[in-house]
């Protein structure tokens, strides 16, 4: 019997996996588990989606809900990687800039078979991929860090956010909608309609 998402959630102890999709060519698909995870056809690009297991990633940041336009920046780090992974990250650092990064969850049945495509809970844009190498008593520790931002973080200049005549004229020259806003304050109560 094939389990549905509703049945998995109703079981009281759903098996959940964390999934990542990096929008490069071809897309990089990873999940926080062991081995490959077959997810069928990817709705984003129409190809077969196989997510490669990363094992355990330690520094997954907390996500915050976007409220009132607050910007969100996150950093994912994977420590203890091999020199081959460091070389791949260094060579591909320019390729991932401005790429879309999706982070989501997927539900598994009791046999650890993915029930449906992952549900993407956060969408980011990659800023940079960095590598650091530190030496300790046991040798070298290599860390790969991926920094990403929400769409609000990358604004280079603020949007026009005030209802002033000057801002309205910049957007729509000749529009008189905001010409009287300067005479109002937060304590002014506008009676509408005026008789």
N, C-alpha and C. Protein backbone atom coordinates (compact mmCIF):
# COMPACT_ATOMS: atom_id res chain seq x y z
N UNK A 1 0.84 -1.18 0.00
CA UNK A 1 0.00 0.00 0.00
C UNK A 1 0.88 1.25 0.00
N UNK A 2 0.57 2.17 -0.87
CA UNK A 2 1.32 3.41 -0.96
C UNK A 2 0.75 4.42 0.03
N UNK A 3 1.64 5.00 0.84
CA UNK A 3 1.21 5.96 1.85
C UNK A 3 1.08 7.35 1.22
N UNK A 4 0.07 8.10 1.63
CA UNK A 4 -0.09 9.46 1.16
C UNK A 4 0.54 10.44 2.16
N UNK A 5 0.67 11.68 1.74
CA UNK A 5 1.22 12.70 2.63
C UNK A 5 0.33 12.87 3.85
N UNK A 6 -0.98 12.87 3.64
CA UNK A 6 -1.92 13.03 4.76
C UNK A 6 -1.77 11.90 5.77
N UNK A 7 -1.59 10.66 5.28
CA UNK A 7 -1.41 9.53 6.18
C UNK A 7 -0.09 9.63 6.95
N UNK A 8 0.95 10.09 6.27
CA UNK A 8 2.24 10.24 6.94
C UNK A 8 2.17 11.27 8.05
N UNK A 9 1.49 12.39 7.79
CA UNK A 9 1.35 13.42 8.81
C UNK A 9 0.45 12.98 9.95
N UNK A 10 -0.57 12.19 9.64
CA UNK A 10 -1.51 11.72 10.66
C UNK A 10 -0.92 10.60 11.52
N UNK A 11 0.21 10.03 11.11
CA UNK A 11 0.79 8.91 11.86
C UNK A 11 1.32 9.33 13.22
N UNK A 12 1.52 10.62 13.43
CA UNK A 12 2.03 11.09 14.71
C UNK A 12 3.53 11.18 14.78
N UNK A 13 4.23 10.46 13.94
CA UNK A 13 5.69 10.48 13.92
C UNK A 13 6.17 10.40 12.47
N UNK A 14 5.91 11.46 11.69
CA UNK A 14 6.31 11.41 10.28
C UNK A 14 7.83 11.43 10.14
N UNK A 15 8.31 10.76 9.13
CA UNK A 15 9.74 10.75 8.82
C UNK A 15 9.99 11.88 7.84
N UNK A 16 10.78 12.84 8.27
CA UNK A 16 10.98 14.06 7.49
C UNK A 16 12.44 14.18 7.11
N UNK A 17 12.69 14.59 5.86
CA UNK A 17 14.04 14.87 5.39
C UNK A 17 14.13 16.32 4.92
N UNK A 18 15.32 16.91 5.05
CA UNK A 18 15.55 18.27 4.59
C UNK A 18 16.23 18.20 3.23
N UNK A 19 15.69 18.98 2.27
CA UNK A 19 16.16 18.93 0.89
C UNK A 19 16.65 20.31 0.44
N UNK A 20 17.65 20.28 -0.45
CA UNK A 20 18.21 21.50 -1.03
C UNK A 20 18.22 21.35 -2.54
N UNK A 21 17.89 22.42 -3.24
CA UNK A 21 17.99 22.44 -4.71
C UNK A 21 18.66 23.73 -5.12
N UNK A 22 19.84 23.62 -5.71
CA UNK A 22 20.60 24.77 -6.16
C UNK A 22 20.42 24.91 -7.66
N UNK A 23 19.91 26.05 -8.10
CA UNK A 23 19.53 26.26 -9.49
C UNK A 23 20.67 26.59 -10.42
N UNK A 24 21.61 25.66 -10.56
CA UNK A 24 22.68 25.79 -11.54
C UNK A 24 22.38 24.81 -12.67
N UNK A 25 23.25 24.72 -13.65
CA UNK A 25 23.02 23.79 -14.77
C UNK A 25 24.08 22.70 -14.75
N UNK A 26 23.71 21.45 -14.58
CA UNK A 26 22.40 20.93 -14.14
C UNK A 26 22.18 21.24 -12.66
N UNK A 27 20.91 21.21 -12.20
CA UNK A 27 20.63 21.55 -10.81
C UNK A 27 21.34 20.61 -9.85
N UNK A 28 21.84 21.18 -8.75
CA UNK A 28 22.45 20.38 -7.68
C UNK A 28 21.36 20.07 -6.67
N UNK A 29 21.12 18.79 -6.46
CA UNK A 29 20.07 18.35 -5.54
C UNK A 29 20.71 17.55 -4.41
N UNK A 30 20.48 18.00 -3.19
CA UNK A 30 21.08 17.35 -2.01
C UNK A 30 20.01 17.17 -0.95
N UNK A 31 20.23 16.18 -0.09
CA UNK A 31 19.34 16.03 1.06
C UNK A 31 20.17 15.61 2.25
N UNK A 32 19.67 15.89 3.45
CA UNK A 32 20.41 15.58 4.67
C UNK A 32 20.10 14.17 5.11
N UNK A 33 20.72 13.25 4.44
CA UNK A 33 20.55 11.85 4.73
C UNK A 33 21.65 11.07 4.05
N UNK A 34 21.55 9.75 4.11
CA UNK A 34 22.57 8.87 3.55
C UNK A 34 22.05 8.25 2.26
N UNK A 35 22.88 8.24 1.23
CA UNK A 35 22.52 7.62 -0.03
C UNK A 35 21.69 8.53 -0.91
N UNK A 36 21.33 8.01 -2.08
CA UNK A 36 20.54 8.77 -3.03
C UNK A 36 19.06 8.61 -2.72
N UNK A 37 18.31 9.67 -3.00
CA UNK A 37 16.87 9.67 -2.78
C UNK A 37 16.20 10.01 -4.11
N UNK A 38 15.42 9.09 -4.63
CA UNK A 38 14.72 9.29 -5.90
C UNK A 38 13.40 10.01 -5.64
N UNK A 39 13.21 11.16 -6.30
CA UNK A 39 11.99 11.94 -6.06
C UNK A 39 11.11 12.03 -7.30
N UNK A 40 11.41 11.27 -8.35
CA UNK A 40 10.58 11.32 -9.55
C UNK A 40 10.87 12.55 -10.38
N UNK A 41 9.87 13.03 -11.10
CA UNK A 41 10.03 14.17 -12.01
C UNK A 41 10.01 15.46 -11.20
N UNK A 42 11.00 16.30 -11.43
CA UNK A 42 11.11 17.59 -10.76
C UNK A 42 10.18 18.59 -11.46
N UNK A 43 9.28 19.19 -10.71
CA UNK A 43 8.32 20.14 -11.29
C UNK A 43 9.00 21.40 -11.79
N UNK A 44 10.17 21.74 -11.26
CA UNK A 44 10.85 22.97 -11.67
C UNK A 44 11.50 22.87 -13.04
N UNK A 45 12.06 21.72 -13.37
CA UNK A 45 12.72 21.61 -14.67
C UNK A 45 12.28 20.42 -15.51
N UNK A 46 11.33 19.63 -15.00
CA UNK A 46 10.77 18.54 -15.78
C UNK A 46 11.67 17.33 -15.94
N UNK A 47 12.79 17.28 -15.23
CA UNK A 47 13.69 16.14 -15.35
C UNK A 47 13.57 15.24 -14.12
N UNK A 48 14.13 14.06 -14.23
CA UNK A 48 14.13 13.14 -13.10
C UNK A 48 14.99 13.70 -11.98
N UNK A 49 14.46 13.68 -10.77
CA UNK A 49 15.16 14.30 -9.65
C UNK A 49 15.72 13.23 -8.71
N UNK A 50 17.04 13.18 -8.61
CA UNK A 50 17.71 12.34 -7.65
C UNK A 50 18.50 13.24 -6.71
N UNK A 51 18.22 13.14 -5.42
CA UNK A 51 18.89 13.95 -4.41
C UNK A 51 20.00 13.13 -3.78
N UNK A 52 21.21 13.66 -3.81
CA UNK A 52 22.36 12.98 -3.24
C UNK A 52 22.43 13.25 -1.75
N UNK A 53 22.77 12.22 -1.00
CA UNK A 53 22.83 12.35 0.45
C UNK A 53 24.09 13.07 0.91
N UNK A 54 23.91 14.02 1.81
CA UNK A 54 25.04 14.75 2.39
C UNK A 54 25.44 14.19 3.73
N UNK A 55 24.67 13.25 4.25
CA UNK A 55 24.93 12.80 5.60
C UNK A 55 24.34 13.80 6.57
N UNK A 56 25.14 14.26 7.52
CA UNK A 56 24.65 15.20 8.51
C UNK A 56 25.36 16.53 8.35
N UNK A 57 24.58 17.58 8.19
CA UNK A 57 25.14 18.92 8.13
C UNK A 57 24.87 19.57 9.49
N UNK A 58 25.86 20.26 10.02
CA UNK A 58 25.75 20.71 11.40
C UNK A 58 25.16 22.11 11.53
N UNK A 59 25.57 23.03 10.71
CA UNK A 59 25.18 24.42 10.90
C UNK A 59 24.08 24.84 9.94
N UNK A 60 22.90 24.25 10.09
CA UNK A 60 21.74 24.71 9.33
C UNK A 60 21.13 25.85 10.12
N UNK A 61 21.04 27.03 9.54
CA UNK A 61 20.54 28.18 10.30
C UNK A 61 19.04 28.10 10.53
N UNK A 62 18.60 28.81 11.56
CA UNK A 62 17.17 28.95 11.80
C UNK A 62 16.59 29.89 10.76
N UNK A 63 15.40 29.60 10.27
CA UNK A 63 14.75 30.47 9.31
C UNK A 63 13.74 31.32 10.06
N UNK A 64 13.64 32.57 9.65
CA UNK A 64 12.64 33.45 10.25
C UNK A 64 11.59 33.77 9.22
N UNK A 65 10.39 33.98 9.70
CA UNK A 65 9.28 34.34 8.81
C UNK A 65 9.47 35.77 8.34
N UNK A 66 9.22 36.02 7.07
CA UNK A 66 9.35 37.37 6.53
C UNK A 66 8.16 38.20 6.98
N UNK A 67 8.44 39.19 7.83
CA UNK A 67 7.38 40.06 8.35
C UNK A 67 7.79 41.50 8.11
N UNK A 68 6.90 42.29 7.54
CA UNK A 68 7.14 43.71 7.29
C UNK A 68 8.40 43.95 6.47
N UNK A 69 8.71 43.08 5.55
CA UNK A 69 9.84 43.30 4.66
C UNK A 69 11.20 43.12 5.31
N UNK A 70 11.30 42.38 6.41
CA UNK A 70 12.60 42.17 7.05
C UNK A 70 13.46 41.28 6.17
N UNK A 71 14.72 41.66 6.02
CA UNK A 71 15.63 40.91 5.17
C UNK A 71 16.20 39.73 5.94
N UNK A 72 16.46 38.65 5.26
CA UNK A 72 16.96 37.44 5.89
C UNK A 72 18.19 36.97 5.14
N UNK A 73 19.26 36.73 5.86
CA UNK A 73 20.49 36.18 5.27
C UNK A 73 20.86 34.94 6.07
N UNK A 74 21.21 33.87 5.36
CA UNK A 74 21.56 32.61 6.02
C UNK A 74 22.90 32.12 5.49
N UNK A 75 23.52 31.27 6.28
CA UNK A 75 24.79 30.68 5.86
C UNK A 75 24.77 29.19 6.22
N UNK A 76 25.00 28.36 5.22
CA UNK A 76 25.08 26.92 5.41
C UNK A 76 26.55 26.55 5.41
N UNK A 77 26.96 25.73 6.35
CA UNK A 77 28.37 25.31 6.38
C UNK A 77 28.46 23.80 6.54
N UNK A 78 29.41 23.25 5.85
CA UNK A 78 29.67 21.81 5.88
C UNK A 78 31.14 21.65 6.22
N UNK A 79 31.41 21.07 7.38
CA UNK A 79 32.77 20.98 7.89
C UNK A 79 33.31 19.57 7.72
N UNK A 80 34.63 19.48 7.67
CA UNK A 80 35.28 18.17 7.57
C UNK A 80 35.21 17.57 6.18
N UNK A 81 35.20 18.40 5.15
CA UNK A 81 35.12 17.90 3.78
C UNK A 81 36.50 17.56 3.26
N UNK A 82 36.54 16.76 2.20
CA UNK A 82 37.82 16.34 1.63
C UNK A 82 38.42 17.45 0.77
N UNK A 83 39.65 17.28 0.40
CA UNK A 83 40.31 18.26 -0.46
C UNK A 83 39.68 18.28 -1.85
N UNK A 84 39.11 17.14 -2.29
CA UNK A 84 38.42 17.11 -3.58
C UNK A 84 37.18 18.01 -3.57
N UNK A 85 36.43 17.99 -2.45
CA UNK A 85 35.25 18.83 -2.34
C UNK A 85 35.65 20.30 -2.29
N UNK A 86 36.76 20.60 -1.61
CA UNK A 86 37.27 21.97 -1.56
C UNK A 86 37.63 22.44 -2.97
N UNK A 87 38.26 21.57 -3.75
CA UNK A 87 38.63 21.94 -5.12
C UNK A 87 37.39 22.19 -5.97
N UNK A 88 36.36 21.35 -5.82
CA UNK A 88 35.11 21.55 -6.56
C UNK A 88 34.43 22.86 -6.16
N UNK A 89 34.43 23.14 -4.86
CA UNK A 89 33.79 24.38 -4.38
C UNK A 89 34.56 25.60 -4.87
N UNK A 90 35.86 25.53 -4.90
CA UNK A 90 36.66 26.66 -5.35
C UNK A 90 36.46 26.90 -6.84
N UNK A 91 36.44 25.82 -7.63
CA UNK A 91 36.24 25.95 -9.08
C UNK A 91 34.84 26.44 -9.44
N UNK A 92 33.84 26.05 -8.64
CA UNK A 92 32.46 26.38 -8.97
C UNK A 92 31.91 27.59 -8.23
N UNK A 93 32.79 28.35 -7.55
CA UNK A 93 32.32 29.48 -6.75
C UNK A 93 31.60 30.53 -7.59
N UNK A 94 32.11 30.82 -8.78
CA UNK A 94 31.47 31.83 -9.62
C UNK A 94 30.16 31.34 -10.23
N UNK A 95 30.06 30.04 -10.43
CA UNK A 95 28.86 29.47 -11.06
C UNK A 95 27.62 29.59 -10.17
N UNK A 96 27.82 29.55 -8.85
CA UNK A 96 26.66 29.55 -7.96
C UNK A 96 26.17 30.95 -7.59
N UNK A 97 26.94 31.98 -7.90
CA UNK A 97 26.50 33.34 -7.56
C UNK A 97 25.19 33.65 -8.28
N UNK A 98 24.26 34.20 -7.54
CA UNK A 98 22.93 34.59 -8.03
C UNK A 98 22.04 33.40 -8.39
N UNK A 99 22.46 32.19 -8.05
CA UNK A 99 21.63 31.01 -8.32
C UNK A 99 20.53 30.90 -7.28
N UNK A 100 19.39 30.37 -7.69
CA UNK A 100 18.28 30.16 -6.76
C UNK A 100 18.58 28.96 -5.87
N UNK A 101 18.34 29.10 -4.59
CA UNK A 101 18.52 28.02 -3.63
C UNK A 101 17.18 27.77 -2.96
N UNK A 102 16.68 26.56 -3.11
CA UNK A 102 15.42 26.16 -2.47
C UNK A 102 15.73 25.23 -1.32
N UNK A 103 15.08 25.46 -0.19
CA UNK A 103 15.24 24.60 0.99
C UNK A 103 13.85 24.12 1.36
N UNK A 104 13.70 22.80 1.50
CA UNK A 104 12.38 22.27 1.79
C UNK A 104 12.43 20.99 2.58
N UNK A 105 11.26 20.42 2.77
CA UNK A 105 11.15 19.16 3.50
C UNK A 105 10.42 18.15 2.62
N UNK A 106 10.76 16.90 2.87
CA UNK A 106 10.09 15.80 2.17
C UNK A 106 9.65 14.77 3.19
N UNK A 107 8.53 14.10 2.93
CA UNK A 107 8.01 13.08 3.83
C UNK A 107 8.31 11.70 3.28
N UNK A 108 8.68 10.80 4.18
CA UNK A 108 9.02 9.43 3.83
C UNK A 108 8.00 8.48 4.44
N UNK A 109 7.84 7.31 3.79
CA UNK A 109 7.01 6.27 4.37
C UNK A 109 7.84 5.46 5.37
N UNK A 110 7.29 4.45 6.02
CA UNK A 110 8.07 3.68 7.01
C UNK A 110 9.31 2.99 6.43
N UNK A 111 9.35 2.77 5.11
CA UNK A 111 10.51 2.15 4.47
C UNK A 111 11.50 3.18 3.93
N UNK A 112 11.36 4.41 4.33
CA UNK A 112 12.22 5.51 3.91
C UNK A 112 12.18 5.72 2.40
N UNK A 113 10.99 5.56 1.82
CA UNK A 113 10.76 5.90 0.42
C UNK A 113 10.04 7.25 0.39
N UNK A 114 10.53 8.17 -0.44
CA UNK A 114 9.94 9.49 -0.51
C UNK A 114 8.52 9.38 -1.06
N UNK A 115 7.57 10.02 -0.37
CA UNK A 115 6.16 9.92 -0.75
C UNK A 115 5.84 10.86 -1.91
N UNK A 116 6.34 12.10 -1.85
CA UNK A 116 6.04 13.10 -2.88
C UNK A 116 7.26 14.01 -3.03
N UNK A 117 7.20 14.87 -4.04
CA UNK A 117 8.27 15.86 -4.23
C UNK A 117 8.44 16.68 -2.95
N UNK A 118 9.64 17.16 -2.68
CA UNK A 118 9.83 18.02 -1.51
C UNK A 118 8.97 19.28 -1.60
N UNK A 119 8.54 19.75 -0.47
CA UNK A 119 7.79 21.01 -0.37
C UNK A 119 8.78 22.10 0.01
N UNK A 120 8.92 23.08 -0.86
CA UNK A 120 9.92 24.12 -0.63
C UNK A 120 9.37 25.15 0.34
N UNK A 121 10.07 25.33 1.47
CA UNK A 121 9.59 26.25 2.50
C UNK A 121 10.33 27.58 2.47
N UNK A 122 11.51 27.63 1.88
CA UNK A 122 12.24 28.90 1.77
C UNK A 122 12.92 28.97 0.41
N UNK A 123 12.97 30.18 -0.12
CA UNK A 123 13.63 30.44 -1.40
C UNK A 123 14.67 31.52 -1.16
N UNK A 124 15.90 31.23 -1.56
CA UNK A 124 17.01 32.16 -1.38
C UNK A 124 17.71 32.40 -2.71
N UNK A 125 18.61 33.38 -2.71
CA UNK A 125 19.51 33.65 -3.82
C UNK A 125 20.92 33.57 -3.26
N UNK A 126 21.78 32.82 -3.91
CA UNK A 126 23.14 32.60 -3.40
C UNK A 126 23.99 33.84 -3.63
N UNK A 127 24.68 34.26 -2.58
CA UNK A 127 25.62 35.38 -2.69
C UNK A 127 27.03 34.89 -3.00
N UNK A 128 27.50 33.93 -2.23
CA UNK A 128 28.85 33.42 -2.49
C UNK A 128 29.03 32.05 -1.87
N UNK A 129 30.02 31.36 -2.37
CA UNK A 129 30.45 30.06 -1.87
C UNK A 129 31.90 30.23 -1.43
N UNK A 130 32.17 29.99 -0.16
CA UNK A 130 33.51 30.19 0.37
C UNK A 130 34.08 28.93 0.97
N UNK A 131 35.39 28.89 1.05
CA UNK A 131 36.10 27.75 1.61
C UNK A 131 37.09 28.27 2.64
N UNK A 132 37.14 27.61 3.79
CA UNK A 132 38.14 27.95 4.79
C UNK A 132 38.85 26.67 5.23
N UNK A 133 40.13 26.81 5.48
CA UNK A 133 40.94 25.68 5.94
C UNK A 133 41.65 26.11 7.22
N UNK A 134 41.39 25.37 8.30
CA UNK A 134 42.02 25.67 9.58
C UNK A 134 42.80 24.45 10.04
N UNK A 135 43.87 24.72 10.76
CA UNK A 135 44.70 23.63 11.27
C UNK A 135 44.48 23.50 12.77
N UNK A 136 44.28 22.26 13.22
CA UNK A 136 44.19 21.99 14.64
C UNK A 136 45.15 20.85 15.00
N UNK A 137 45.01 20.29 16.18
CA UNK A 137 45.93 19.23 16.62
C UNK A 137 45.82 17.97 15.78
N UNK A 138 44.68 17.74 15.16
CA UNK A 138 44.45 16.54 14.37
C UNK A 138 44.73 16.72 12.88
N UNK A 139 45.15 17.89 12.48
CA UNK A 139 45.43 18.14 11.06
C UNK A 139 44.61 19.32 10.56
N UNK A 140 44.24 19.25 9.29
CA UNK A 140 43.49 20.34 8.67
C UNK A 140 42.00 20.05 8.71
N UNK A 141 41.21 21.08 8.98
CA UNK A 141 39.75 20.98 8.94
C UNK A 141 39.28 21.93 7.84
N UNK A 142 38.66 21.35 6.81
CA UNK A 142 38.19 22.13 5.68
C UNK A 142 36.69 22.35 5.82
N UNK A 143 36.26 23.59 5.60
CA UNK A 143 34.84 23.95 5.72
C UNK A 143 34.40 24.68 4.46
N UNK A 144 33.26 24.27 3.93
CA UNK A 144 32.65 24.94 2.79
C UNK A 144 31.43 25.68 3.31
N UNK A 145 31.33 26.99 2.98
CA UNK A 145 30.22 27.81 3.43
C UNK A 145 29.49 28.41 2.22
N UNK A 146 28.17 28.32 2.28
CA UNK A 146 27.32 28.87 1.24
C UNK A 146 26.46 29.95 1.88
N UNK A 147 26.64 31.19 1.45
CA UNK A 147 25.87 32.30 1.99
C UNK A 147 24.77 32.66 1.00
N UNK A 148 23.55 32.81 1.52
CA UNK A 148 22.40 33.11 0.68
C UNK A 148 21.54 34.16 1.35
N UNK A 149 20.70 34.78 0.56
CA UNK A 149 19.85 35.86 1.05
C UNK A 149 18.44 35.69 0.53
N UNK A 150 17.52 36.33 1.24
CA UNK A 150 16.16 36.40 0.73
C UNK A 150 16.11 37.50 -0.32
N UNK A 151 15.02 37.59 -1.04
CA UNK A 151 14.96 38.56 -2.13
C UNK A 151 14.99 40.00 -1.61
N UNK A 152 14.68 40.22 -0.33
CA UNK A 152 14.69 41.57 0.22
C UNK A 152 16.10 42.02 0.61
N UNK A 153 17.01 41.11 0.84
CA UNK A 153 18.33 41.46 1.37
C UNK A 153 19.19 42.16 0.35
N UNK A 154 19.05 41.81 -0.91
CA UNK A 154 19.96 42.32 -1.92
C UNK A 154 19.62 43.68 -2.48
N UNK A 155 18.71 44.39 -1.86
CA UNK A 155 18.34 45.70 -2.40
C UNK A 155 19.53 46.66 -2.28
N UNK A 156 19.89 47.28 -3.35
CA UNK A 156 21.01 48.22 -3.35
C UNK A 156 20.57 49.62 -2.93
N UNK A 157 19.32 49.94 -3.14
CA UNK A 157 18.80 51.23 -2.69
C UNK A 157 17.35 51.00 -2.28
N UNK A 158 16.88 51.77 -1.31
CA UNK A 158 15.52 51.54 -0.83
C UNK A 158 14.48 51.94 -1.87
N UNK A 159 13.37 51.26 -1.83
CA UNK A 159 12.25 51.63 -2.69
C UNK A 159 11.62 52.91 -2.16
N UNK A 160 10.85 53.58 -3.00
CA UNK A 160 10.11 54.74 -2.54
C UNK A 160 9.02 54.23 -1.61
N UNK A 161 9.10 54.64 -0.35
CA UNK A 161 8.20 54.06 0.63
C UNK A 161 7.30 55.06 1.31
N UNK A 162 7.39 56.33 0.98
CA UNK A 162 6.57 57.33 1.63
C UNK A 162 5.55 57.90 0.64
N UNK A 163 4.40 58.25 1.16
CA UNK A 163 3.38 58.89 0.33
C UNK A 163 3.61 60.39 0.37
N UNK A 164 4.65 60.84 -0.29
CA UNK A 164 4.91 62.27 -0.37
C UNK A 164 4.73 62.71 -1.82
N UNK A 165 4.46 63.99 -1.96
CA UNK A 165 4.26 64.52 -3.31
C UNK A 165 5.54 64.37 -4.14
N UNK A 166 6.68 64.58 -3.49
CA UNK A 166 7.95 64.46 -4.21
C UNK A 166 8.15 63.05 -4.76
N UNK A 167 7.89 62.02 -3.91
CA UNK A 167 8.03 60.64 -4.36
C UNK A 167 7.01 60.28 -5.43
N UNK A 168 5.78 60.77 -5.28
CA UNK A 168 4.74 60.48 -6.26
C UNK A 168 5.08 61.13 -7.61
N UNK A 169 5.64 62.34 -7.58
CA UNK A 169 6.01 63.01 -8.82
C UNK A 169 7.16 62.28 -9.51
N UNK A 170 8.06 61.68 -8.72
CA UNK A 170 9.16 60.91 -9.32
C UNK A 170 8.62 59.69 -10.05
N UNK A 171 7.58 59.07 -9.50
CA UNK A 171 6.98 57.89 -10.14
C UNK A 171 6.05 58.27 -11.28
N UNK A 172 5.19 59.27 -11.03
CA UNK A 172 4.14 59.64 -12.00
C UNK A 172 4.08 61.17 -12.11
N UNK A 173 4.90 61.76 -12.95
CA UNK A 173 4.90 63.23 -13.08
C UNK A 173 3.51 63.76 -13.42
N UNK A 174 3.13 64.81 -12.70
CA UNK A 174 1.83 65.44 -12.95
C UNK A 174 0.69 64.88 -12.12
N UNK A 175 0.88 63.74 -11.44
CA UNK A 175 -0.17 63.16 -10.62
C UNK A 175 -0.32 63.97 -9.33
N UNK A 176 -1.53 64.37 -9.00
CA UNK A 176 -1.77 65.23 -7.84
C UNK A 176 -2.28 64.46 -6.61
N UNK A 177 -2.23 63.14 -6.65
CA UNK A 177 -2.81 62.33 -5.58
C UNK A 177 -2.19 62.64 -4.22
N UNK A 178 -0.87 62.87 -4.15
CA UNK A 178 -0.19 63.07 -2.88
C UNK A 178 0.19 64.52 -2.59
N UNK A 179 -0.41 65.46 -3.29
CA UNK A 179 0.03 66.85 -3.13
C UNK A 179 -0.28 67.42 -1.75
N UNK A 180 -1.25 66.87 -1.04
CA UNK A 180 -1.62 67.42 0.26
C UNK A 180 -1.10 66.59 1.44
N UNK A 181 -0.30 65.57 1.21
CA UNK A 181 0.16 64.72 2.32
C UNK A 181 1.04 65.48 3.30
N UNK A 182 1.71 66.52 2.89
CA UNK A 182 2.58 67.26 3.80
C UNK A 182 1.81 67.96 4.91
N UNK A 183 0.54 68.24 4.71
CA UNK A 183 -0.22 68.94 5.74
C UNK A 183 -0.84 67.99 6.77
N UNK A 184 -0.70 66.69 6.55
CA UNK A 184 -1.25 65.73 7.49
C UNK A 184 -0.15 65.16 8.37
N UNK A 185 -0.50 64.78 9.59
CA UNK A 185 0.42 64.09 10.49
C UNK A 185 -0.25 62.83 10.97
N UNK A 186 0.44 62.07 11.81
CA UNK A 186 -0.15 60.84 12.34
C UNK A 186 -1.36 61.12 13.23
N UNK A 187 -1.42 62.34 13.79
CA UNK A 187 -2.53 62.66 14.69
C UNK A 187 -3.72 63.25 13.97
N UNK A 188 -3.58 63.53 12.68
CA UNK A 188 -4.68 64.12 11.91
C UNK A 188 -5.68 63.05 11.54
N UNK A 189 -6.95 63.34 11.76
CA UNK A 189 -8.00 62.42 11.35
C UNK A 189 -8.75 63.04 10.19
N UNK A 190 -8.73 62.36 9.10
CA UNK A 190 -9.38 62.85 7.88
C UNK A 190 -10.83 62.42 7.91
N UNK A 191 -11.71 63.36 7.79
CA UNK A 191 -13.14 63.05 7.73
C UNK A 191 -13.48 62.75 6.28
N UNK A 192 -14.07 61.59 6.04
CA UNK A 192 -14.35 61.17 4.67
C UNK A 192 -15.74 60.59 4.60
N UNK A 193 -16.58 60.94 3.69
CA UNK A 193 -16.42 62.03 2.73
C UNK A 193 -16.73 63.37 3.38
N UNK A 194 -16.24 64.42 2.77
CA UNK A 194 -16.51 65.76 3.27
C UNK A 194 -17.84 66.23 2.67
N UNK A 195 -18.71 66.75 3.51
CA UNK A 195 -20.01 67.25 3.04
C UNK A 195 -19.98 68.74 2.89
